[in-house]
Structure formats: C-alpha cells, structure tokens
Protein backbone atom coordinates (compact mmCIF):
# COMPACT_ATOMS: atom_id res chain seq x y z
CA MET A 1 12.91 9.14 -8.03
CA GLN A 2 9.88 6.76 -9.96
CA LEU A 3 8.54 3.98 -8.79
CA HIS A 4 6.80 1.16 -10.64
CA VAL A 5 5.24 -1.85 -7.96
CA THR A 6 3.10 -4.83 -9.20
CA ILE A 7 0.92 -7.21 -6.67
CA ASP A 8 0.12 -9.90 -8.10
CA LEU A 9 -3.93 -11.76 -6.21
CA PRO A 10 -4.15 -15.23 -6.46
CA THR A 11 -8.26 -14.09 -7.10
CA ASP A 12 -9.72 -12.54 -9.52
CA VAL A 13 -10.23 -8.24 -10.30
CA ARG A 14 -13.94 -8.67 -8.31
CA GLY A 15 -12.32 -11.05 -5.61
CA ALA A 16 -9.46 -8.42 -5.39
CA ALA A 17 -11.02 -5.52 -5.22
CA HIS A 18 -13.74 -6.68 -2.08
CA LEU A 19 -10.66 -7.30 -0.93
CA LEU A 20 -8.56 -3.67 -1.25
CA ALA A 21 -12.14 -2.33 -0.21
CA ASP A 22 -11.91 -4.64 2.92
CA PRO A 23 -11.31 -2.77 6.36
CA ALA A 24 -10.61 -5.69 8.00
CA TYR A 25 -8.27 -7.00 5.20
CA VAL A 26 -6.45 -3.37 5.56
CA HIS A 27 -6.14 -3.13 8.32
CA ALA A 28 -3.92 -6.60 8.58
CA LYS A 29 -1.82 -4.75 5.68
CA VAL A 30 -1.62 -1.71 7.60
CA ARG A 31 -0.25 -4.26 11.15
CA ALA A 32 2.07 -6.71 8.86
CA SER A 33 4.35 -2.96 7.45
CA GLY A 34 5.13 -2.64 11.70
CA ALA A 35 2.52 0.32 11.94
CA VAL A 36 1.83 0.73 15.78
CA GLU A 37 -0.55 3.10 15.49
CA GLU A 38 -2.80 2.66 12.89
CA GLN A 39 -5.93 4.30 11.38
CA VAL A 40 -8.27 2.72 8.54
CA ASP A 41 -11.02 4.27 6.85
CA VAL A 42 -12.60 2.91 3.27
CA SER A 43 -15.82 5.14 1.80
CA GLY A 44 -17.48 3.62 -0.91
CA THR A 45 -18.05 -0.14 -2.10
CA ALA A 46 -16.34 -1.93 -4.23
CA ALA A 47 -19.16 -2.62 -6.58
CA GLY A 48 -18.45 0.64 -7.85
CA ALA A 49 -15.81 4.02 -7.15
CA PHE A 50 -13.91 3.47 -2.93
CA THR A 51 -11.42 5.66 -1.48
CA VAL A 52 -9.56 3.66 1.22
CA THR A 53 -7.31 6.17 3.14
CA THR A 54 -4.87 4.81 5.95
CA ARG A 55 -2.75 6.19 8.89
CA ARG A 56 -0.51 4.52 9.87
CA ALA A 57 2.98 5.50 12.76
CA VAL A 58 6.28 3.29 12.13
CA PRO A 59 8.97 3.40 14.00
CA THR A 60 12.23 4.72 12.46
CA SER A 61 13.95 1.70 12.37
CA GLN A 62 12.37 0.80 8.71
CA ILE A 63 14.98 3.83 7.45
CA PRO A 64 18.02 4.25 7.30
CA ALA A 65 20.27 5.43 10.81
CA HIS A 66 22.06 8.69 8.88
CA LEU A 67 18.08 9.79 7.87
CA HIS A 68 16.51 9.68 11.49
CA PRO A 69 17.74 12.75 12.34
CA LEU A 70 15.14 14.30 10.06
CA VAL A 71 12.22 12.04 10.83
CA GLY A 72 12.28 11.57 14.48
CA ALA A 73 11.47 8.42 16.61
CA ARG A 74 8.52 7.73 14.49
CA ILE A 75 7.45 7.86 10.79
CA ASP A 76 3.46 9.41 10.49
CA VAL A 77 2.05 8.15 7.09
CA ARG A 78 -0.82 8.52 5.24
CA GLN A 79 -2.18 6.96 2.24
CA VAL A 80 -4.99 7.69 -0.26
CA GLU A 81 -5.74 4.73 -2.60
CA ALA A 82 -8.78 6.81 -5.02
CA TRP A 83 -9.82 3.88 -6.76
CA GLY A 84 -13.10 4.56 -9.77
CA ALA A 85 -15.75 2.15 -10.91
CA PRO A 86 -15.14 -1.26 -12.35
CA ALA A 87 -15.19 -0.96 -16.08
CA ALA A 88 -17.05 -3.61 -18.34
CA ASP A 89 -14.01 -6.43 -17.17
CA GLY A 90 -14.07 -5.29 -13.96
CA SER A 91 -10.30 -3.51 -14.09
CA ARG A 92 -9.77 -1.28 -12.66
CA THR A 93 -7.81 2.37 -12.07
CA GLY A 94 -6.92 4.96 -9.45
CA THR A 95 -4.55 7.77 -7.92
CA VAL A 96 -2.38 6.95 -4.82
CA VAL A 97 -0.51 9.52 -2.76
CA VAL A 98 1.10 8.98 0.54
CA GLU A 99 2.84 11.89 2.39
CA ILE A 100 5.32 10.76 5.98
CA ALA A 101 3.97 13.66 8.16
CA GLY A 102 7.06 15.89 9.19
CA ALA A 103 9.42 15.07 6.58
CA PRO A 104 9.07 16.83 2.91
CA VAL A 105 8.17 13.61 1.41
CA ARG A 106 5.29 12.69 -0.75
CA VAL A 107 4.47 9.63 -3.03
CA THR A 108 1.54 10.53 -6.33
CA GLY A 109 1.14 7.81 -8.40
CA ARG A 110 -1.93 5.41 -10.01
CA THR A 111 -2.63 3.13 -10.18
CA SER A 112 -4.04 0.05 -11.68
CA LEU A 113 -6.50 -3.71 -11.20
CA VAL A 114 -5.92 -6.17 -14.22
CA ALA A 115 -6.88 -9.47 -15.36
CA THR A 116 -4.16 -11.18 -15.66
CA GLY A 117 -5.01 -14.84 -15.80
CA PRO A 118 -8.31 -16.86 -14.90
CA GLY A 119 -8.07 -16.39 -10.74
CA ALA A 120 -5.20 -13.97 -11.23
CA SER A 121 -4.79 -10.55 -11.26
CA ARG A 122 -2.11 -7.81 -10.74
CA VAL A 123 -2.38 -4.58 -8.45
CA THR A 124 0.29 -1.86 -10.65
CA TYR A 125 1.64 1.20 -8.39
CA GLU A 126 3.35 3.28 -10.74
CA GLY A 127 4.35 6.89 -9.33
CA GLU A 128 7.25 9.71 -8.47
CA VAL A 129 8.57 9.92 -4.88
CA ARG A 130 9.58 13.67 -3.69
CA ALA A 131 10.63 15.05 -1.57
CA ALA A 132 12.31 18.32 -0.87
CA VAL A 133 15.55 18.33 1.08
CA PRO A 134 18.47 20.26 0.11
CA LEU A 135 21.19 18.09 -0.22
CA PHE A 136 19.69 14.43 0.84
CA ALA A 137 16.99 14.40 -1.54
CA SER A 138 18.23 11.76 -3.24
CA ALA A 139 19.12 10.32 -0.15
CA VAL A 140 15.55 10.46 1.22
CA GLU A 141 14.14 9.42 -1.81
CA GLU A 142 15.89 6.27 -2.01
CA ALA A 143 14.87 5.52 1.57
CA ALA A 144 11.38 6.08 0.74
CA GLY A 145 10.87 4.43 -2.27
CA ALA A 146 12.51 1.49 -0.43
CA ALA A 147 10.09 1.86 2.39
CA VAL A 148 7.26 1.90 0.19
CA ARG A 149 8.05 -1.28 -1.62
CA ALA A 150 8.17 -3.21 0.77
CA ALA A 151 5.63 -2.05 2.50
CA LEU A 152 4.04 -3.38 -0.58
CA ARG A 153 5.50 -6.39 -1.24
CA GLU A 154 4.13 -7.25 2.40
CA GLU A 155 0.96 -6.52 1.19
CA GLN A 156 1.46 -8.83 -1.61
CA SER A 157 2.19 -11.83 1.43
CA VAL A 158 -1.12 -10.58 3.05
CA ALA A 159 -3.06 -10.86 0.51
CA ALA A 160 -1.57 -13.58 -0.50
CA ARG A 161 -2.53 -15.79 2.67
CA TRP A 162 -6.14 -13.56 3.89
CA LEU A 163 -7.37 -15.02 0.16
CA ALA A 164 -5.74 -18.46 0.74
CA SER A 165 -7.46 -18.61 4.17
CA ALA A 166 -10.22 -22.27 3.52
CA ASP A 167 -12.04 -20.97 6.92
CA GLY A 168 -12.75 -17.06 5.93
CA THR A 169 -11.04 -16.31 8.88
CA PRO A 170 -7.74 -14.33 7.70
CA ALA A 171 -4.42 -15.69 7.64
CA VAL A 172 -2.35 -12.43 8.41
CA GLY A 173 0.46 -12.80 10.10
CA PRO A 174 4.31 -13.85 9.45
CA ALA A 175 4.79 -15.85 6.60
CA ALA A 176 5.94 -19.98 7.21
CA PRO A 177 10.10 -20.49 7.52
C-alpha cells in the first residue's frame, strides 16, 4: 500500500530542520502519538545531516480490534529518519523506515523538506506499507497506514503548538477545543 503524507510547518526550512533535530520536540511528538514508553536518539545536527531514531510502545487501542491477536497488548514501533545535509536553499531529502516489532509490518520511503513560502515549509513522506501476513496483509497494511497517517497528523499539531509558544516553553498538550 502506498503512503503519502504532508506536514505543513509555520517556519522556514532552516527552522523546520532545527525542530526536526531537537530531541525535546521529538520526545513531545512521540508522547503525543500515544506512546506509553519512549526512547529518542538524535545524531548529527540541523546544520548538516542528522538521523532521528525513536522507539515507542503504543497500546493496541490504535488498531482495529480484529487485528489485536496478531500484535498483542501493545505495539512496539521503531522509526528512523535519516536526513541529508541541506541544499543551498535549505531544502533536504532523506529516508524513513518504520518497523513494528512482533508484527510483520514495515514502512519504507523517502522524505523531503521544502519551502512553501516565506516562513513556511512542508515535510513530505512518500513510502510503502508492507505486511507479510497471509490472508490479512491488506487489512494489516491499511491499519498500519492509518496509524502512521494519524501519528503524522498529530505531529503537525504538536509542531504548530511548539512553534507558536511565545515564551520558548513548548506547548505540547492536546489542542484546545
């Protein structure tokens, strides 16, 4: 199954790269995805190439009930985003891999960061969701794709609140009603 998700950020590409490479922000977006356990590792810096590796445990309440027997009480997700050094205009490309431990599901793809206007940028994820489950592959791929899209939509909300915080203290709680 193909996956295409965009995240619009209210900051230029350099600010977006700093955000994406900030361990505190990465922890906030992982928590916002419903993680009950998390681990974050950022290597490199926003000035050059950097890699963000996250591990999170999320409850199976995020997937359809009929798939719970395939994955157990929680889902352990490992995500690696490897971002290349910036081009002259600050844009970047990279790769992304998402693996779900204990479930034969893997997401692989490319990611890009580009300017969309003054003080605005977009992160795009293009990839493929693959499940190696006889008879249930398409249902598992659909569920995994929906979970990835939901996590990335939440990331856009977290990023907007983070960037909008005027006093430098990240505002990462749930969006106001």
